Amino acid sequence: MRETKKITGTEKAAKPKRAVSSRSRYSKEEIHKIFEVFEKFDPEPEGELDHTNAFTLLVAVVLSAQATDVGVNKATKHLFQLADDPYKMVALGEDKIREEIRTIGLYKNKAKNVFTLSQQLIDLHGGEVPDNREALEALPGVGRKTANVVLNIWFGQPTIAVDTHLFRLGNRLGLAPGKTPLDVEKKMEKIIPKEYVRHSHHWLILHGRYVCKARKPECHRCIIYDLCKSKEKKTKA
């Protein structure tokens, strides 16, 4: 007698997952047009973290992890009046740094990182912020995104800093789909025209922060609406 296998509910429900395309949904011409529009709308985009030099920029970006730019700016307003270079920051001490930034998330660990990276800048780099990724990423609290921001904003290098907004847009728009921030960064580097690379992450971050928001994208305000191929795209009023 032929044995029949009983199929469970779990087995019935199991279906092969459809592979998500890792290719951009846009042609070279369409990508060029997207960034042409961004440039026309905002030729010289700027980051929103307050800073006066490479050191204060580095500290501000380190503090911005899991915190808003507005919150960081409030916390650093007085801090940077007290210490705007690594020598003054070390002299200030970890306890005082912690007191100054206590209003932002993870302030205890961040205070330790700011103090330690300041000391390392003095010991290893003569008190100067290095202009290369390897040296920056060797500092406490500095990851790839932080290094990219500093290299881009202060040193003018064409790096792409992938934060939560840019990661979301890369996937939502289908511009540079990727499973990790590094995936998105590498794909962006390949597809974005060279003349737009330096400002590209500013345009996308600001667009994601104020227009193409995580929960409720405001498509009616989108300047690239006609070019957008997002599956979440709404009818423009």
C-alpha atoms as a PDB file:
ATOM      1  CA  MET A   1       0.000   0.000   0.000  1.00  0.00           C
ATOM      2  CA  ARG A   2       1.370   3.388  -1.012  1.00  0.00           C
ATOM      3  CA  GLU A   3       2.075   5.669   1.929  1.00  0.00           C
ATOM      4  CA  THR A   4       0.760   9.215   1.707  1.00  0.00           C
ATOM      5  CA  LYS A   5       2.494  12.009   3.542  1.00  0.00           C
ATOM      6  CA  LYS A   6       0.335  14.313   5.586  1.00  0.00           C
ATOM      7  CA  ILE A   7       1.019  17.974   4.788  1.00  0.00           C
ATOM      8  CA  THR A   8       0.964  20.247   7.782  1.00  0.00           C
ATOM      9  CA  GLY A   9      -0.341  23.805   7.816  1.00  0.00           C
ATOM     10  CA  THR A  10       3.219  25.075   8.078  1.00  0.00           C
ATOM     11  CA  GLU A  11       4.275  23.177   4.974  1.00  0.00           C
ATOM     12  CA  LYS A  12       1.257  24.435   3.050  1.00  0.00           C
ATOM     13  CA  ALA A  13       2.094  28.006   3.929  1.00  0.00           C
ATOM     14  CA  ALA A  14       5.739  27.707   2.998  1.00  0.00           C
ATOM     15  CA  LYS A  15       6.419  29.272  -0.392  1.00  0.00           C
ATOM     16  CA  PRO A  16       9.694  30.110  -2.036  1.00  0.00           C
ATOM     17  CA  LYS A  17      10.631  33.699  -1.373  1.00  0.00           C
ATOM     18  CA  ARG A  18      10.836  35.968  -4.378  1.00  0.00           C
ATOM     19  CA  ALA A  19      14.309  37.378  -4.808  1.00  0.00           C
ATOM     20  CA  VAL A  20      14.478  41.142  -4.414  1.00  0.00           C
ATOM     21  CA  SER A  21      16.207  42.828  -7.320  1.00  0.00           C
ATOM     22  CA  SER A  22      19.483  44.476  -6.401  1.00  0.00           C
ATOM     23  CA  ARG A  23      19.579  46.523  -9.578  1.00  0.00           C
ATOM     24  CA  SER A  24      18.550  50.146  -9.794  1.00  0.00           C
ATOM     25  CA  ARG A  25      15.132  50.764 -11.327  1.00  0.00           C
ATOM     26  CA  TYR A  26      16.517  53.764 -13.184  1.00  0.00           C
ATOM     27  CA  SER A  27      18.482  54.262 -16.371  1.00  0.00           C
ATOM     28  CA  LYS A  28      21.646  56.375 -16.411  1.00  0.00           C
ATOM     29  CA  GLU A  29      19.682  59.200 -17.986  1.00  0.00           C
ATOM     30  CA  GLU A  30      16.989  59.054 -15.308  1.00  0.00           C
ATOM     31  CA  ILE A  31      19.556  59.035 -12.491  1.00  0.00           C
ATOM     32  CA  HIS A  32      21.322  62.013 -14.036  1.00  0.00           C
ATOM     33  CA  LYS A  33      18.004  63.858 -14.267  1.00  0.00           C
ATOM     34  CA  ILE A  34      17.151  63.123 -10.599  1.00  0.00           C
ATOM     35  CA  PHE A  35      20.351  64.710  -9.345  1.00  0.00           C
ATOM     36  CA  GLU A  36      20.119  67.514 -11.860  1.00  0.00           C
ATOM     37  CA  VAL A  37      16.774  68.411 -10.265  1.00  0.00           C
ATOM     38  CA  PHE A  38      18.234  68.204  -6.755  1.00  0.00           C
ATOM     39  CA  GLU A  39      21.110  70.486  -7.752  1.00  0.00           C
ATOM     40  CA  LYS A  40      18.791  73.009  -9.372  1.00  0.00           C
ATOM     41  CA  PHE A  41      16.647  73.101  -6.228  1.00  0.00           C
ATOM     42  CA  ASP A  42      19.586  73.290  -3.771  1.00  0.00           C
ATOM     43  CA  PRO A  43      23.002  73.904  -5.428  1.00  0.00           C
ATOM     44  CA  GLU A  44      25.032  73.898  -2.202  1.00  0.00           C
ATOM     45  CA  PRO A  45      23.341  71.641   0.363  1.00  0.00           C
ATOM     46  CA  GLU A  46      24.782  71.620   3.866  1.00  0.00           C
ATOM     47  CA  GLY A  47      24.643  69.295   6.840  1.00  0.00           C
ATOM     48  CA  GLU A  48      22.576  70.452   9.805  1.00  0.00           C
ATOM     49  CA  LEU A  49      25.053  69.790  12.613  1.00  0.00           C
ATOM     50  CA  ASP A  50      26.553  72.986  14.012  1.00  0.00           C
ATOM     51  CA  HIS A  51      30.362  73.102  13.933  1.00  0.00           C
ATOM     52  CA  THR A  52      33.220  75.575  13.589  1.00  0.00           C
ATOM     53  CA  ASN A  53      36.115  73.349  12.568  1.00  0.00           C
ATOM     54  CA  ALA A  54      37.007  69.748  11.724  1.00  0.00           C
ATOM     55  CA  PHE A  55      37.192  68.765  15.382  1.00  0.00           C
ATOM     56  CA  THR A  56      33.781  70.111  16.395  1.00  0.00           C
ATOM     57  CA  LEU A  57      32.291  68.512  13.263  1.00  0.00           C
ATOM     58  CA  LEU A  58      33.813  65.163  14.206  1.00  0.00           C
ATOM     59  CA  VAL A  59      32.495  65.390  17.762  1.00  0.00           C
ATOM     60  CA  ALA A  60      29.034  66.477  16.594  1.00  0.00           C
ATOM     61  CA  VAL A  61      28.765  63.534  14.201  1.00  0.00           C
ATOM     62  CA  VAL A  62      29.916  61.083  16.878  1.00  0.00           C
ATOM     63  CA  LEU A  63      27.234  62.468  19.197  1.00  0.00           C
ATOM     64  CA  SER A  64      24.556  62.287  16.494  1.00  0.00           C
ATOM     65  CA  ALA A  65      24.343  58.478  16.558  1.00  0.00           C
ATOM     66  CA  GLN A  66      20.779  57.601  17.609  1.00  0.00           C
ATOM     67  CA  ALA A  67      20.062  61.281  18.248  1.00  0.00           C
ATOM     68  CA  THR A  68      18.562  64.123  16.223  1.00  0.00           C
ATOM     69  CA  ASP A  69      20.669  66.925  14.793  1.00  0.00           C
ATOM     70  CA  VAL A  70      18.502  69.416  16.675  1.00  0.00           C
ATOM     71  CA  GLY A  71      19.166  67.631  19.959  1.00  0.00           C
ATOM     72  CA  VAL A  72      22.904  67.438  19.289  1.00  0.00           C
ATOM     73  CA  ASN A  73      23.087  71.137  18.411  1.00  0.00           C
ATOM     74  CA  LYS A  74      21.416  72.030  21.703  1.00  0.00           C
ATOM     75  CA  ALA A  75      23.863  69.862  23.639  1.00  0.00           C
ATOM     76  CA  THR A  76      26.979  71.123  21.848  1.00  0.00           C
ATOM     77  CA  LYS A  77      26.165  74.832  21.890  1.00  0.00           C
ATOM     78  CA  HIS A  78      27.750  75.322  25.313  1.00  0.00           C
ATOM     79  CA  LEU A  79      30.162  72.392  25.025  1.00  0.00           C
ATOM     80  CA  PHE A  80      31.897  73.905  22.001  1.00  0.00           C
ATOM     81  CA  GLN A  81      32.135  77.260  23.739  1.00  0.00           C
ATOM     82  CA  LEU A  82      34.133  75.497  26.431  1.00  0.00           C
ATOM     83  CA  ALA A  83      36.133  73.184  24.167  1.00  0.00           C
ATOM     84  CA  ASP A  84      36.529  73.596  20.421  1.00  0.00           C
ATOM     85  CA  ASP A  85      39.743  71.602  20.061  1.00  0.00           C
ATOM     86  CA  PRO A  86      41.016  68.275  21.459  1.00  0.00           C
ATOM     87  CA  TYR A  87      43.350  69.927  23.979  1.00  0.00           C
ATOM     88  CA  LYS A  88      40.518  71.878  25.595  1.00  0.00           C
ATOM     89  CA  MET A  89      38.242  68.817  25.475  1.00  0.00           C
ATOM     90  CA  VAL A  90      40.780  66.659  27.327  1.00  0.00           C
ATOM     91  CA  ALA A  91      41.291  69.446  29.857  1.00  0.00           C
ATOM     92  CA  LEU A  92      37.527  69.616  30.332  1.00  0.00           C
ATOM     93  CA  GLY A  93      37.472  65.972  31.402  1.00  0.00           C
ATOM     94  CA  GLU A  94      35.069  63.108  30.840  1.00  0.00           C
ATOM     95  CA  ASP A  95      32.790  64.009  33.773  1.00  0.00           C
ATOM     96  CA  LYS A  96      32.229  67.555  32.519  1.00  0.00           C
ATOM     97  CA  ILE A  97      31.679  66.357  28.961  1.00  0.00           C
ATOM     98  CA  ARG A  98      29.087  63.911  30.252  1.00  0.00           C
ATOM     99  CA  GLU A  99      27.324  66.686  32.133  1.00  0.00           C
ATOM    100  CA  GLU A 100      27.217  68.891  29.021  1.00  0.00           C
ATOM    101  CA  ILE A 101      25.704  66.222  26.738  1.00  0.00           C
ATOM    102  CA  ARG A 102      23.397  64.474  29.205  1.00  0.00           C
ATOM    103  CA  THR A 103      20.304  65.494  27.196  1.00  0.00           C
ATOM    104  CA  ILE A 104      21.141  63.185  24.273  1.00  0.00           C
ATOM    105  CA  GLY A 105      20.881  59.409  24.056  1.00  0.00           C
ATOM    106  CA  LEU A 106      23.755  57.177  25.188  1.00  0.00           C
ATOM    107  CA  TYR A 107      25.477  60.237  26.651  1.00  0.00           C
ATOM    108  CA  LYS A 108      27.660  58.312  29.088  1.00  0.00           C
ATOM    109  CA  ASN A 109      29.322  56.168  26.437  1.00  0.00           C
ATOM    110  CA  LYS A 110      29.501  59.104  24.027  1.00  0.00           C
ATOM    111  CA  ALA A 111      31.248  61.268  26.630  1.00  0.00           C
ATOM    112  CA  LYS A 112      33.851  58.548  27.072  1.00  0.00           C
ATOM    113  CA  ASN A 113      34.360  58.320  23.297  1.00  0.00           C
ATOM    114  CA  VAL A 114      34.689  62.098  22.885  1.00  0.00           C
ATOM    115  CA  PHE A 115      37.261  62.287  25.669  1.00  0.00           C
ATOM    116  CA  THR A 116      39.257  59.300  24.391  1.00  0.00           C
ATOM    117  CA  LEU A 117      39.210  60.318  20.725  1.00  0.00           C
ATOM    118  CA  SER A 118      40.387  63.802  21.747  1.00  0.00           C
ATOM    119  CA  GLN A 119      43.321  62.271  23.592  1.00  0.00           C
ATOM    120  CA  GLN A 120      44.140  60.060  20.609  1.00  0.00           C
ATOM    121  CA  LEU A 121      44.050  63.023  18.248  1.00  0.00           C
ATOM    122  CA  ILE A 122      46.664  64.686  20.469  1.00  0.00           C
ATOM    123  CA  ASP A 123      48.800  61.556  20.870  1.00  0.00           C
ATOM    124  CA  LEU A 124      48.647  60.264  17.306  1.00  0.00           C
ATOM    125  CA  HIS A 125      47.832  63.222  15.057  1.00  0.00           C
ATOM    126  CA  GLY A 126      49.253  66.321  16.688  1.00  0.00           C
ATOM    127  CA  GLY A 127      45.800  67.511  17.676  1.00  0.00           C
ATOM    128  CA  GLU A 128      44.565  67.543  14.071  1.00  0.00           C
ATOM    129  CA  VAL A 129      41.666  65.594  12.580  1.00  0.00           C
ATOM    130  CA  PRO A 130      43.106  63.190   9.952  1.00  0.00           C
ATOM    131  CA  ASP A 131      41.838  63.396   6.385  1.00  0.00           C
ATOM    132  CA  ASN A 132      41.774  59.668   5.635  1.00  0.00           C
ATOM    133  CA  ARG A 133      39.209  56.994   6.403  1.00  0.00           C
ATOM    134  CA  GLU A 134      41.515  54.462   8.046  1.00  0.00           C
ATOM    135  CA  ALA A 135      42.818  56.931  10.638  1.00  0.00           C
ATOM    136  CA  LEU A 136      39.338  58.284  11.343  1.00  0.00           C
ATOM    137  CA  GLU A 137      37.764  54.864  11.807  1.00  0.00           C
ATOM    138  CA  ALA A 138      40.518  53.964  14.285  1.00  0.00           C
ATOM    139  CA  LEU A 139      39.175  56.632  16.652  1.00  0.00           C
ATOM    140  CA  PRO A 140      36.681  55.659  19.405  1.00  0.00           C
ATOM    141  CA  GLY A 141      33.054  56.073  18.360  1.00  0.00           C
ATOM    142  CA  VAL A 142      33.919  56.692  14.711  1.00  0.00           C
ATOM    143  CA  GLY A 143      32.418  54.306  12.175  1.00  0.00           C
ATOM    144  CA  ARG A 144      32.257  54.390   8.394  1.00  0.00           C
ATOM    145  CA  LYS A 145      29.298  56.778   8.255  1.00  0.00           C
ATOM    146  CA  THR A 146      30.927  59.260  10.644  1.00  0.00           C
ATOM    147  CA  ALA A 147      34.186  59.123   8.708  1.00  0.00           C
ATOM    148  CA  ASN A 148      32.336  59.703   5.436  1.00  0.00           C
ATOM    149  CA  VAL A 149      30.551  62.757   6.825  1.00  0.00           C
ATOM    150  CA  VAL A 150      33.791  64.364   8.037  1.00  0.00           C
ATOM    151  CA  LEU A 151      35.666  63.550   4.838  1.00  0.00           C
ATOM    152  CA  ASN A 152      32.833  64.958   2.742  1.00  0.00           C
ATOM    153  CA  ILE A 153      31.887  68.104   4.640  1.00  0.00           C
ATOM    154  CA  TRP A 154      35.261  69.256   5.910  1.00  0.00           C
ATOM    155  CA  PHE A 155      37.736  67.805   3.449  1.00  0.00           C
ATOM    156  CA  GLY A 156      35.545  67.976   0.345  1.00  0.00           C
ATOM    157  CA  GLN A 157      35.938  64.325  -0.593  1.00  0.00           C
ATOM    158  CA  PRO A 158      33.204  62.655  -2.699  1.00  0.00           C
ATOM    159  CA  THR A 159      32.083  60.202  -0.025  1.00  0.00           C
ATOM    160  CA  ILE A 160      28.521  58.995   0.556  1.00  0.00           C
ATOM    161  CA  ALA A 161      27.398  58.750   4.172  1.00  0.00           C
ATOM    162  CA  VAL A 162      24.496  56.315   4.426  1.00  0.00           C
ATOM    163  CA  ASP A 163      22.263  57.091   7.392  1.00  0.00           C
ATOM    164  CA  THR A 164      18.752  55.733   8.023  1.00  0.00           C
ATOM    165  CA  HIS A 165      17.192  58.241   5.603  1.00  0.00           C
ATOM    166  CA  LEU A 166      19.529  57.505   2.724  1.00  0.00           C
ATOM    167  CA  PHE A 167      19.286  53.746   3.341  1.00  0.00           C
ATOM    168  CA  ARG A 168      15.502  53.990   3.225  1.00  0.00           C
ATOM    169  CA  LEU A 169      15.495  56.034   0.020  1.00  0.00           C
ATOM    170  CA  GLY A 170      17.977  53.748  -1.698  1.00  0.00           C
ATOM    171  CA  ASN A 171      15.535  50.886  -1.187  1.00  0.00           C
ATOM    172  CA  ARG A 172      12.179  52.678  -1.300  1.00  0.00           C
ATOM    173  CA  LEU A 173      12.907  54.495  -4.553  1.00  0.00           C
ATOM    174  CA  GLY A 174      14.736  51.500  -5.974  1.00  0.00           C
ATOM    175  CA  LEU A 175      17.634  53.826  -6.692  1.00  0.00           C
ATOM    176  CA  ALA A 176      20.297  51.666  -5.044  1.00  0.00           C
ATOM    177  CA  PRO A 177      18.681  48.677  -3.319  1.00  0.00           C
ATOM    178  CA  GLY A 178      20.767  46.944  -0.683  1.00  0.00           C
ATOM    179  CA  LYS A 179      20.492  44.867   2.468  1.00  0.00           C
ATOM    180  CA  THR A 180      23.090  46.874   4.371  1.00  0.00           C
ATOM    181  CA  PRO A 181      24.219  50.520   4.450  1.00  0.00           C
ATOM    182  CA  LEU A 182      27.493  49.460   2.835  1.00  0.00           C
ATOM    183  CA  ASP A 183      25.587  47.772  -0.019  1.00  0.00           C
ATOM    184  CA  VAL A 184      23.660  50.975  -0.664  1.00  0.00           C
ATOM    185  CA  GLU A 185      26.803  53.111  -0.397  1.00  0.00           C
ATOM    186  CA  LYS A 186      28.733  51.009  -2.925  1.00  0.00           C
ATOM    187  CA  LYS A 187      25.842  50.969  -5.393  1.00  0.00           C
ATOM    188  CA  MET A 188      25.355  54.719  -5.054  1.00  0.00           C
ATOM    189  CA  GLU A 189      29.036  55.234  -5.821  1.00  0.00           C
ATOM    190  CA  LYS A 190      28.615  53.257  -9.045  1.00  0.00           C
ATOM    191  CA  ILE A 191      25.442  54.845 -10.372  1.00  0.00           C
ATOM    192  CA  ILE A 192      25.603  58.522  -9.334  1.00  0.00           C
ATOM    193  CA  PRO A 193      27.286  60.756 -11.950  1.00  0.00           C
ATOM    194  CA  LYS A 194      30.681  62.010 -10.740  1.00  0.00           C
ATOM    195  CA  GLU A 195      29.660  65.662 -10.826  1.00  0.00           C
ATOM    196  CA  TYR A 196      26.898  64.968  -8.293  1.00  0.00           C
ATOM    197  CA  VAL A 197      28.576  62.492  -5.923  1.00  0.00           C
ATOM    198  CA  ARG A 198      29.893  64.970  -3.366  1.00  0.00           C
ATOM    199  CA  HIS A 199      26.504  66.535  -2.613  1.00  0.00           C
ATOM    200  CA  SER A 200      24.400  63.440  -3.298  1.00  0.00           C
ATOM    201  CA  HIS A 201      24.089  62.200   0.268  1.00  0.00           C
ATOM    202  CA  HIS A 202      23.089  65.661   1.508  1.00  0.00           C
ATOM    203  CA  TRP A 203      20.310  65.897  -1.072  1.00  0.00           C
ATOM    204  CA  LEU A 204      19.022  62.422  -0.297  1.00  0.00           C
ATOM    205  CA  ILE A 205      19.268  62.757   3.488  1.00  0.00           C
ATOM    206  CA  LEU A 206      17.412  66.079   3.478  1.00  0.00           C
ATOM    207  CA  HIS A 207      14.838  64.686   1.048  1.00  0.00           C
ATOM    208  CA  GLY A 208      14.289  61.665   3.297  1.00  0.00           C
ATOM    209  CA  ARG A 209      14.143  63.769   6.446  1.00  0.00           C
ATOM    210  CA  TYR A 210      11.656  66.392   5.250  1.00  0.00           C
ATOM    211  CA  VAL A 211       9.775  64.988   2.248  1.00  0.00           C
ATOM    212  CA  CYS A 212      10.114  61.240   1.668  1.00  0.00           C
ATOM    213  CA  LYS A 213       9.518  60.500   5.349  1.00  0.00           C
ATOM    214  CA  ALA A 214       9.555  57.011   6.813  1.00  0.00           C
ATOM    215  CA  ARG A 215       5.889  56.710   7.784  1.00  0.00           C
ATOM    216  CA  LYS A 216       4.138  59.296   5.652  1.00  0.00           C
ATOM    217  CA  PRO A 217       6.036  60.336   2.527  1.00  0.00           C
ATOM    218  CA  GLU A 218       4.798  63.718   1.351  1.00  0.00           C
ATOM    219  CA  CYS A 219       4.640  62.969  -2.345  1.00  0.00           C
ATOM    220  CA  HIS A 220       2.747  66.199  -3.028  1.00  0.00           C
ATOM    221  CA  ARG A 221       5.932  68.119  -2.097  1.00  0.00           C
ATOM    222  CA  CYS A 222       8.384  65.880  -3.979  1.00  0.00           C
ATOM    223  CA  ILE A 223      10.575  67.637  -6.560  1.00  0.00           C
ATOM    224  CA  ILE A 224      11.450  64.320  -8.256  1.00  0.00           C
ATOM    225  CA  TYR A 225       7.875  63.015  -8.258  1.00  0.00           C
ATOM    226  CA  ASP A 226       7.703  62.632 -12.039  1.00  0.00           C
ATOM    227  CA  LEU A 227      10.896  60.547 -12.002  1.00  0.00           C
ATOM    228  CA  CYS A 228      10.130  58.471  -8.906  1.00  0.00           C
ATOM    229  CA  LYS A 229       9.542  54.723  -9.341  1.00  0.00           C
ATOM    230  CA  SER A 230       8.760  53.896  -5.721  1.00  0.00           C
ATOM    231  CA  LYS A 231       6.065  51.290  -5.174  1.00  0.00           C
ATOM    232  CA  GLU A 232       4.825  53.492  -2.325  1.00  0.00           C
ATOM    233  CA  LYS A 233       4.343  56.476  -4.602  1.00  0.00           C
ATOM    234  CA  LYS A 234       1.057  58.278  -3.967  1.00  0.00           C
ATOM    235  CA  THR A 235      -1.123  60.267  -6.335  1.00  0.00           C
ATOM    236  CA  LYS A 236       0.068  63.846  -6.327  1.00  0.00           C
ATOM    237  CA  ALA A 237      -2.676  66.271  -5.375  1.00  0.00           C
END
